[in-house]
C-alpha atoms as a PDB file:
ATOM      1  CA  UNK A   1      97.756  50.726  29.224  1.00  0.00           C
ATOM      2  CA  UNK A   2     100.404  48.300  26.900  1.00  0.00           C
ATOM      3  CA  UNK A   3     104.111  48.314  27.217  1.00  0.00           C
ATOM      4  CA  UNK A   4     105.059  50.689  24.761  1.00  0.00           C
ATOM      5  CA  UNK A   5     102.304  53.320  26.304  1.00  0.00           C
ATOM      6  CA  UNK A   6     103.875  52.755  29.741  1.00  0.00           C
ATOM      7  CA  UNK A   7     107.341  53.305  28.326  1.00  0.00           C
ATOM      8  CA  UNK A   8     106.428  56.485  27.538  1.00  0.00           C
ATOM      9  CA  UNK A   9     104.677  57.671  30.659  1.00  0.00           C
ATOM     10  CA  UNK A  10     107.543  56.283  32.916  1.00  0.00           C
ATOM     11  CA  UNK A  11     109.759  60.108  33.148  1.00  0.00           C
ATOM     12  CA  UNK A  12     106.342  61.493  33.613  1.00  0.00           C
ATOM     13  CA  UNK A  13     105.437  58.695  36.655  1.00  0.00           C
ATOM     14  CA  UNK A  14     109.013  59.665  38.348  1.00  0.00           C
ATOM     15  CA  UNK A  15     108.620  63.662  37.898  1.00  0.00           C
ATOM     16  CA  UNK A  16     105.136  62.884  39.432  1.00  0.00           C
ATOM     17  CA  UNK A  17     103.601  64.591  36.183  1.00  0.00           C
ATOM     18  CA  UNK A  18     100.583  61.958  35.675  1.00  0.00           C
ATOM     19  CA  UNK A  19      96.731  62.638  36.998  1.00  0.00           C
ATOM     20  CA  UNK A  20      95.645  60.458  39.890  1.00  0.00           C
ATOM     21  CA  UNK A  21      94.071  58.215  37.359  1.00  0.00           C
ATOM     22  CA  UNK A  22      96.874  57.229  34.831  1.00  0.00           C
ATOM     23  CA  UNK A  23      99.313  56.948  37.726  1.00  0.00           C
ATOM     24  CA  UNK A  24      97.348  54.160  39.134  1.00  0.00           C
ATOM     25  CA  UNK A  25      96.588  52.363  36.064  1.00  0.00           C
ATOM     26  CA  UNK A  26     100.660  52.777  35.217  1.00  0.00           C
ATOM     27  CA  UNK A  27     101.051  51.383  38.757  1.00  0.00           C
ATOM     28  CA  UNK A  28      98.903  48.327  38.347  1.00  0.00           C
ATOM     29  CA  UNK A  29     100.656  47.803  34.823  1.00  0.00           C
ATOM     30  CA  UNK A  30     104.173  47.728  36.303  1.00  0.00           C
ATOM     31  CA  UNK A  31     103.466  45.260  39.211  1.00  0.00           C
ATOM     32  CA  UNK A  32     102.063  42.716  36.686  1.00  0.00           C
ATOM     33  CA  UNK A  33     104.719  43.440  34.410  1.00  0.00           C
ATOM     34  CA  UNK A  34     108.502  42.167  34.961  1.00  0.00           C
ATOM     35  CA  UNK A  35     109.939  44.141  31.804  1.00  0.00           C
ATOM     36  CA  UNK A  36     108.057  47.427  32.038  1.00  0.00           C
ATOM     37  CA  UNK A  37     108.949  46.841  36.147  1.00  0.00           C
ATOM     38  CA  UNK A  38     112.529  46.707  35.470  1.00  0.00           C
ATOM     39  CA  UNK A  39     112.621  49.652  32.840  1.00  0.00           C
ATOM     40  CA  UNK A  40     110.865  51.535  35.709  1.00  0.00           C
ATOM     41  CA  UNK A  41     113.753  50.604  38.116  1.00  0.00           C
ATOM     42  CA  UNK A  42     116.348  51.175  35.815  1.00  0.00           C
ATOM     43  CA  UNK A  43     115.077  54.723  35.304  1.00  0.00           C
ATOM     44  CA  UNK A  44     114.439  55.062  38.735  1.00  0.00           C
ATOM     45  CA  UNK A  45     118.393  54.277  39.684  1.00  0.00           C
ATOM     46  CA  UNK A  46     119.429  56.866  36.821  1.00  0.00           C
ATOM     47  CA  UNK A  47     117.493  59.462  38.587  1.00  0.00           C
ATOM     48  CA  UNK A  48     119.079  59.150  41.672  1.00  0.00           C
ATOM     49  CA  UNK A  49     122.521  58.922  40.346  1.00  0.00           C
ATOM     50  CA  UNK A  50     121.663  62.062  39.115  1.00  0.00           C
ATOM     51  CA  UNK A  51     120.179  63.379  42.169  1.00  0.00           C
ATOM     52  CA  UNK A  52     123.080  62.317  44.240  1.00  0.00           C
ATOM     53  CA  UNK A  53     125.600  63.618  42.357  1.00  0.00           C
ATOM     54  CA  UNK A  54     128.383  65.911  44.290  1.00  0.00           C
ATOM     55  CA  UNK A  55     128.247  69.558  43.069  1.00  0.00           C
ATOM     56  CA  UNK A  56     130.863  71.693  43.370  1.00  0.00           C
ATOM     57  CA  UNK A  57     130.487  74.787  46.225  1.00  0.00           C
ATOM     58  CA  UNK A  58     130.927  77.976  45.360  1.00  0.00           C
ATOM     59  CA  UNK A  59     134.007  79.929  47.174  1.00  0.00           C
ATOM     60  CA  UNK A  60     133.120  82.228  49.891  1.00  0.00           C
ATOM     61  CA  UNK A  61     134.960  84.862  47.567  1.00  0.00           C
ATOM     62  CA  UNK A  62     132.338  84.529  45.141  1.00  0.00           C
ATOM     63  CA  UNK A  63     129.403  87.039  47.086  1.00  0.00           C
ATOM     64  CA  UNK A  64     132.083  89.676  47.312  1.00  0.00           C
ATOM     65  CA  UNK A  65     133.691  89.506  43.727  1.00  0.00           C
ATOM     66  CA  UNK A  66     129.857  89.825  42.435  1.00  0.00           C
ATOM     67  CA  UNK A  67     129.156  92.730  44.669  1.00  0.00           C
ATOM     68  CA  UNK A  68     131.981  94.765  43.512  1.00  0.00           C
ATOM     69  CA  UNK A  69     131.436  94.017  40.221  1.00  0.00           C
ATOM     70  CA  UNK A  70     127.999  95.353  40.621  1.00  0.00           C
ATOM     71  CA  UNK A  71     129.431  98.649  42.092  1.00  0.00           C
ATOM     72  CA  UNK A  72     131.822  98.858  39.486  1.00  0.00           C
ATOM     73  CA  UNK A  73     128.639  98.390  37.092  1.00  0.00           C
ATOM     74  CA  UNK A  74     126.029 100.797  38.615  1.00  0.00           C
ATOM     75  CA  UNK A  75     128.401 103.050  40.582  1.00  0.00           C
ATOM     76  CA  UNK A  76     126.321 102.316  43.537  1.00  0.00           C
ATOM     77  CA  UNK A  77     127.604 101.074  47.220  1.00  0.00           C
ATOM     78  CA  UNK A  78     125.702  97.644  47.392  1.00  0.00           C
ATOM     79  CA  UNK A  79     126.106  97.210  51.003  1.00  0.00           C
ATOM     80  CA  UNK A  80     124.193 100.398  51.203  1.00  0.00           C
ATOM     81  CA  UNK A  81     121.667  99.515  48.694  1.00  0.00           C
ATOM     82  CA  UNK A  82     120.934  96.222  50.923  1.00  0.00           C
ATOM     83  CA  UNK A  83     120.673  97.870  54.141  1.00  0.00           C
ATOM     84  CA  UNK A  84     118.193 100.419  52.957  1.00  0.00           C
ATOM     85  CA  UNK A  85     116.191  97.774  51.212  1.00  0.00           C
ATOM     86  CA  UNK A  86     115.808  95.699  54.394  1.00  0.00           C
ATOM     87  CA  UNK A  87     115.306  98.884  56.652  1.00  0.00           C
ATOM     88  CA  UNK A  88     112.396  99.635  54.378  1.00  0.00           C
ATOM     89  CA  UNK A  89     111.088  95.702  54.711  1.00  0.00           C
ATOM     90  CA  UNK A  90     111.260  96.115  58.581  1.00  0.00           C
ATOM     91  CA  UNK A  91     109.329  99.228  58.382  1.00  0.00           C
ATOM     92  CA  UNK A  92     106.716  97.688  56.339  1.00  0.00           C
ATOM     93  CA  UNK A  93     106.724  94.800  58.953  1.00  0.00           C
ATOM     94  CA  UNK A  94     105.335  97.030  61.703  1.00  0.00           C
ATOM     95  CA  UNK A  95     102.712  98.314  59.628  1.00  0.00           C
ATOM     96  CA  UNK A  96     101.123  94.881  59.042  1.00  0.00           C
ATOM     97  CA  UNK A  97      99.920  93.972  62.715  1.00  0.00           C
ATOM     98  CA  UNK A  98      98.873  90.808  62.507  1.00  0.00           C
ATOM     99  CA  UNK A  99     100.777  89.824  59.228  1.00  0.00           C
ATOM    100  CA  UNK A 100     103.644  90.599  61.023  1.00  0.00           C
ATOM    101  CA  UNK A 101     104.798  87.256  61.741  1.00  0.00           C
ATOM    102  CA  UNK A 102     104.195  85.958  58.373  1.00  0.00           C
ATOM    103  CA  UNK A 103     105.620  88.609  56.100  1.00  0.00           C
ATOM    104  CA  UNK A 104     109.027  87.762  57.863  1.00  0.00           C
ATOM    105  CA  UNK A 105     109.221  84.551  56.689  1.00  0.00           C
ATOM    106  CA  UNK A 106     112.824  84.438  54.732  1.00  0.00           C
ATOM    107  CA  UNK A 107     113.613  82.198  52.117  1.00  0.00           C
ATOM    108  CA  UNK A 108     115.883  79.535  53.107  1.00  0.00           C
ATOM    109  CA  UNK A 109     118.300  77.162  51.983  1.00  0.00           C
ATOM    110  CA  UNK A 110     116.084  73.362  51.309  1.00  0.00           C
ATOM    111  CA  UNK A 111     117.309  70.107  51.419  1.00  0.00           C
ATOM    112  CA  UNK A 112     117.420  68.207  48.224  1.00  0.00           C
ATOM    113  CA  UNK A 113     114.028  65.980  50.122  1.00  0.00           C
ATOM    114  CA  UNK A 114     112.574  69.352  50.131  1.00  0.00           C
ATOM    115  CA  UNK A 115     113.865  70.372  46.568  1.00  0.00           C
ATOM    116  CA  UNK A 116     111.943  67.633  45.295  1.00  0.00           C
ATOM    117  CA  UNK A 117     108.665  68.100  47.022  1.00  0.00           C
ATOM    118  CA  UNK A 118     108.405  71.675  45.881  1.00  0.00           C
ATOM    119  CA  UNK A 119     108.908  70.314  42.726  1.00  0.00           C
ATOM    120  CA  UNK A 120     106.459  67.849  42.981  1.00  0.00           C
ATOM    121  CA  UNK A 121     103.933  70.946  43.952  1.00  0.00           C
ATOM    122  CA  UNK A 122     104.775  72.883  41.451  1.00  0.00           C
ATOM    123  CA  UNK A 123     104.442  70.171  39.068  1.00  0.00           C
ATOM    124  CA  UNK A 124     100.669  69.567  40.252  1.00  0.00           C
ATOM    125  CA  UNK A 125     100.151  73.418  40.359  1.00  0.00           C
ATOM    126  CA  UNK A 126     101.242  73.737  36.856  1.00  0.00           C
ATOM    127  CA  UNK A 127      99.649  70.328  35.836  1.00  0.00           C
ATOM    128  CA  UNK A 128      95.944  71.524  37.191  1.00  0.00           C
ATOM    129  CA  UNK A 129      95.958  74.658  35.011  1.00  0.00           C
ATOM    130  CA  UNK A 130      97.461  72.706  31.496  1.00  0.00           C
ATOM    131  CA  UNK A 131      95.008  70.337  31.093  1.00  0.00           C
ATOM    132  CA  UNK A 132      91.910  72.476  32.411  1.00  0.00           C
ATOM    133  CA  UNK A 133      91.591  70.299  35.854  1.00  0.00           C
ATOM    134  CA  UNK A 134      91.546  72.595  38.246  1.00  0.00           C
ATOM    135  CA  UNK A 135      88.479  71.250  40.332  1.00  0.00           C
ATOM    136  CA  UNK A 136      87.033  68.206  40.632  1.00  0.00           C
ATOM    137  CA  UNK A 137      84.394  69.620  42.017  1.00  0.00           C
ATOM    138  CA  UNK A 138      83.578  73.310  41.440  1.00  0.00           C
ATOM    139  CA  UNK A 139      81.689  76.214  43.958  1.00  0.00           C
ATOM    140  CA  UNK A 140      82.233  78.892  45.870  1.00  0.00           C
ATOM    141  CA  UNK A 141      80.134  77.547  48.574  1.00  0.00           C
ATOM    142  CA  UNK A 142      82.118  76.095  51.351  1.00  0.00           C
ATOM    143  CA  UNK A 143      79.549  73.438  52.780  1.00  0.00           C
ATOM    144  CA  UNK A 144      79.296  71.927  49.090  1.00  0.00           C
ATOM    145  CA  UNK A 145      83.186  71.719  48.821  1.00  0.00           C
ATOM    146  CA  UNK A 146      84.115  70.111  52.575  1.00  0.00           C
ATOM    147  CA  UNK A 147      81.484  67.622  52.035  1.00  0.00           C
ATOM    148  CA  UNK A 148      82.704  66.369  48.880  1.00  0.00           C
ATOM    149  CA  UNK A 149      86.180  65.211  50.114  1.00  0.00           C
ATOM    150  CA  UNK A 150      84.143  62.436  52.699  1.00  0.00           C
ATOM    151  CA  UNK A 151      85.467  59.182  52.064  1.00  0.00           C
ATOM    152  CA  UNK A 152      88.079  60.144  49.429  1.00  0.00           C
ATOM    153  CA  UNK A 153      90.699  61.195  52.013  1.00  0.00           C
ATOM    154  CA  UNK A 154      91.153  59.887  55.301  1.00  0.00           C
ATOM    155  CA  UNK A 155      90.688  63.634  57.144  1.00  0.00           C
ATOM    156  CA  UNK A 156      88.557  66.652  56.859  1.00  0.00           C
ATOM    157  CA  UNK A 157      90.308  69.684  55.093  1.00  0.00           C
ATOM    158  CA  UNK A 158      89.326  72.512  56.764  1.00  0.00           C
ATOM    159  CA  UNK A 159      87.684  75.144  53.722  1.00  0.00           C
ATOM    160  CA  UNK A 160      87.081  78.488  54.414  1.00  0.00           C
ATOM    161  CA  UNK A 161      85.210  81.591  53.080  1.00  0.00           C
ATOM    162  CA  UNK A 162      87.416  84.163  51.979  1.00  0.00           C
ATOM    163  CA  UNK A 163      85.502  86.084  49.506  1.00  0.00           C
ATOM    164  CA  UNK A 164      85.148  89.105  51.891  1.00  0.00           C
ATOM    165  CA  UNK A 165      89.055  89.153  51.785  1.00  0.00           C
ATOM    166  CA  UNK A 166      89.083  89.202  47.664  1.00  0.00           C
ATOM    167  CA  UNK A 167      89.962  85.344  48.067  1.00  0.00           C
ATOM    168  CA  UNK A 168      87.434  83.268  46.075  1.00  0.00           C
ATOM    169  CA  UNK A 169      86.876  80.183  46.776  1.00  0.00           C
ATOM    170  CA  UNK A 170      85.970  78.169  43.354  1.00  0.00           C
ATOM    171  CA  UNK A 171      86.544  74.643  44.190  1.00  0.00           C
ATOM    172  CA  UNK A 172      88.701  71.670  44.938  1.00  0.00           C
ATOM    173  CA  UNK A 173      90.118  68.201  43.548  1.00  0.00           C
ATOM    174  CA  UNK A 174      91.976  65.111  44.886  1.00  0.00           C
ATOM    175  CA  UNK A 175      95.733  64.983  43.732  1.00  0.00           C
ATOM    176  CA  UNK A 176      98.966  63.170  44.066  1.00  0.00           C
ATOM    177  CA  UNK A 177     101.773  64.867  45.841  1.00  0.00           C
ATOM    178  CA  UNK A 178     105.038  62.978  46.581  1.00  0.00           C
ATOM    179  CA  UNK A 179     103.315  59.664  46.741  1.00  0.00           C
ATOM    180  CA  UNK A 180     100.816  60.896  48.933  1.00  0.00           C
ATOM    181  CA  UNK A 181      97.010  61.351  48.564  1.00  0.00           C
ATOM    182  CA  UNK A 182      96.302  65.221  48.829  1.00  0.00           C
ATOM    183  CA  UNK A 183      93.480  67.481  49.054  1.00  0.00           C
ATOM    184  CA  UNK A 184      93.642  70.990  46.814  1.00  0.00           C
ATOM    185  CA  UNK A 185      91.504  73.905  47.676  1.00  0.00           C
ATOM    186  CA  UNK A 186      91.169  76.389  44.857  1.00  0.00           C
ATOM    187  CA  UNK A 187      91.224  79.985  45.536  1.00  0.00           C
ATOM    188  CA  UNK A 188      90.965  82.869  42.989  1.00  0.00           C
ATOM    189  CA  UNK A 189      92.580  86.578  43.501  1.00  0.00           C
ATOM    190  CA  UNK A 190      91.796  88.455  39.963  1.00  0.00           C
ATOM    191  CA  UNK A 191      93.275  86.337  37.555  1.00  0.00           C
ATOM    192  CA  UNK A 192      95.485  84.678  39.464  1.00  0.00           C
ATOM    193  CA  UNK A 193      94.715  81.159  40.785  1.00  0.00           C
ATOM    194  CA  UNK A 194      96.023  79.690  44.038  1.00  0.00           C
ATOM    195  CA  UNK A 195      96.054  76.176  44.817  1.00  0.00           C
ATOM    196  CA  UNK A 196      96.079  75.009  48.473  1.00  0.00           C
ATOM    197  CA  UNK A 197      97.660  71.180  48.670  1.00  0.00           C
ATOM    198  CA  UNK A 198      96.603  69.896  52.273  1.00  0.00           C
ATOM    199  CA  UNK A 199      97.992  66.340  53.397  1.00  0.00           C
ATOM    200  CA  UNK A 200      99.006  64.293  56.224  1.00  0.00           C
ATOM    201  CA  UNK A 201     101.294  65.487  58.612  1.00  0.00           C
ATOM    202  CA  UNK A 202     104.901  64.225  58.135  1.00  0.00           C
ATOM    203  CA  UNK A 203     107.977  65.751  60.260  1.00  0.00           C
ATOM    204  CA  UNK A 204     110.376  64.759  57.262  1.00  0.00           C
ATOM    205  CA  UNK A 205     108.630  66.777  54.752  1.00  0.00           C
ATOM    206  CA  UNK A 206     108.421  69.983  56.523  1.00  0.00           C
ATOM    207  CA  UNK A 207     109.289  72.206  59.914  1.00  0.00           C
ATOM    208  CA  UNK A 208     106.542  73.626  62.041  1.00  0.00           C
ATOM    209  CA  UNK A 209     107.541  77.025  61.248  1.00  0.00           C
ATOM    210  CA  UNK A 210     106.166  78.752  58.026  1.00  0.00           C
ATOM    211  CA  UNK A 211     108.480  78.177  54.853  1.00  0.00           C
ATOM    212  CA  UNK A 212     108.534  80.614  51.936  1.00  0.00           C
ATOM    213  CA  UNK A 213     109.981  79.717  48.913  1.00  0.00           C
ATOM    214  CA  UNK A 214     110.207  81.195  45.219  1.00  0.00           C
ATOM    215  CA  UNK A 215     110.897  78.625  42.137  1.00  0.00           C
ATOM    216  CA  UNK A 216     110.247  79.092  38.772  1.00  0.00           C
ATOM    217  CA  UNK A 217     108.446  82.240  38.999  1.00  0.00           C
ATOM    218  CA  UNK A 218     106.216  80.485  41.814  1.00  0.00           C
ATOM    219  CA  UNK A 219     105.744  81.511  45.553  1.00  0.00           C
ATOM    220  CA  UNK A 220     105.505  78.849  47.800  1.00  0.00           C
ATOM    221  CA  UNK A 221     104.295  78.975  51.351  1.00  0.00           C
ATOM    222  CA  UNK A 222     104.453  76.227  53.505  1.00  0.00           C
ATOM    223  CA  UNK A 223     103.479  75.585  57.281  1.00  0.00           C
ATOM    224  CA  UNK A 224     101.952  72.717  59.651  1.00  0.00           C
ATOM    225  CA  UNK A 225      98.787  72.548  61.750  1.00  0.00           C
ATOM    226  CA  UNK A 226      96.549  70.195  63.183  1.00  0.00           C
ATOM    227  CA  UNK A 227      98.408  67.191  62.421  1.00  0.00           C
ATOM    228  CA  UNK A 228      98.001  68.372  58.569  1.00  0.00           C
ATOM    229  CA  UNK A 229     100.627  69.766  56.337  1.00  0.00           C
ATOM    230  CA  UNK A 230      99.742  73.035  54.333  1.00  0.00           C
ATOM    231  CA  UNK A 231     101.168  74.513  51.086  1.00  0.00           C
ATOM    232  CA  UNK A 232     100.157  77.278  49.105  1.00  0.00           C
ATOM    233  CA  UNK A 233     101.333  78.037  45.569  1.00  0.00           C
ATOM    234  CA  UNK A 234     100.383  80.787  43.005  1.00  0.00           C
ATOM    235  CA  UNK A 235     102.188  83.085  41.100  1.00  0.00           C
ATOM    236  CA  UNK A 236     100.574  85.878  43.027  1.00  0.00           C
ATOM    237  CA  UNK A 237     103.027  88.100  44.600  1.00  0.00           C
ATOM    238  CA  UNK A 238     104.497  86.802  47.799  1.00  0.00           C
ATOM    239  CA  UNK A 239     102.351  89.336  50.049  1.00  0.00           C
ATOM    240  CA  UNK A 240      99.355  88.261  49.373  1.00  0.00           C
ATOM    241  CA  UNK A 241     100.009  85.018  49.144  1.00  0.00           C
ATOM    242  CA  UNK A 242     101.030  85.177  52.270  1.00  0.00           C
ATOM    243  CA  UNK A 243      98.072  87.256  53.570  1.00  0.00           C
ATOM    244  CA  UNK A 244      95.698  84.297  52.054  1.00  0.00           C
ATOM    245  CA  UNK A 245      98.207  81.749  54.146  1.00  0.00           C
ATOM    246  CA  UNK A 246      97.893  83.482  56.987  1.00  0.00           C
ATOM    247  CA  UNK A 247      93.668  83.625  56.803  1.00  0.00           C
ATOM    248  CA  UNK A 248      94.030  79.894  56.289  1.00  0.00           C
ATOM    249  CA  UNK A 249      96.325  79.272  58.941  1.00  0.00           C
ATOM    250  CA  UNK A 250      93.611  81.050  61.499  1.00  0.00           C
ATOM    251  CA  UNK A 251      91.353  78.277  61.917  1.00  0.00           C
END
């Protein structure tokens, strides 16, 4: 890579949108080139300044104002709608038995660090679909996929055969999430691709409790188990992705 090419890749590098091989070539060049290193640091400083900007907090009356406007527009009591919605959800939770502890996952307020990490996860998921690089090892056999990671990462990712539950294993690949080497196990349900990222546990990244987020049309579920972090992501609906995640968590 020459300097012109490097300068074009700086924003993609900072947004974690480069492939693993391009990222390594980029970092090798920047280590040896003072001009490109200075340019990278300038862009990183600009990015940090933007992320650390102070935002105005919405007034506490905004929620009630919106409810009042909705009631005026629809003619319906929004507080009653909300209560009926949650009552229906509670009834559903009782009926699903073993999945109940997972289906009660709520959307949570996340820190800027968690937001950036989720952006990284989404970028990796979208990138795998856009560049037609969903798998490095393509197989429906977990005994083929699991050994492929030996020597490529310093942990053994659990690979589970879920075809009887209609989650078909199609392979795996290496990825790079937030400066961390990660394995990506790839499953498919109907036309929906599920990426399950697994990486070394870091308390600063996630809590022990499962977390369900929704960003940019994707459902994202985090959990931790036996010293590893897990993150499943898909455009699959949250109920089915929750079912998949719960199945993967029962090792």
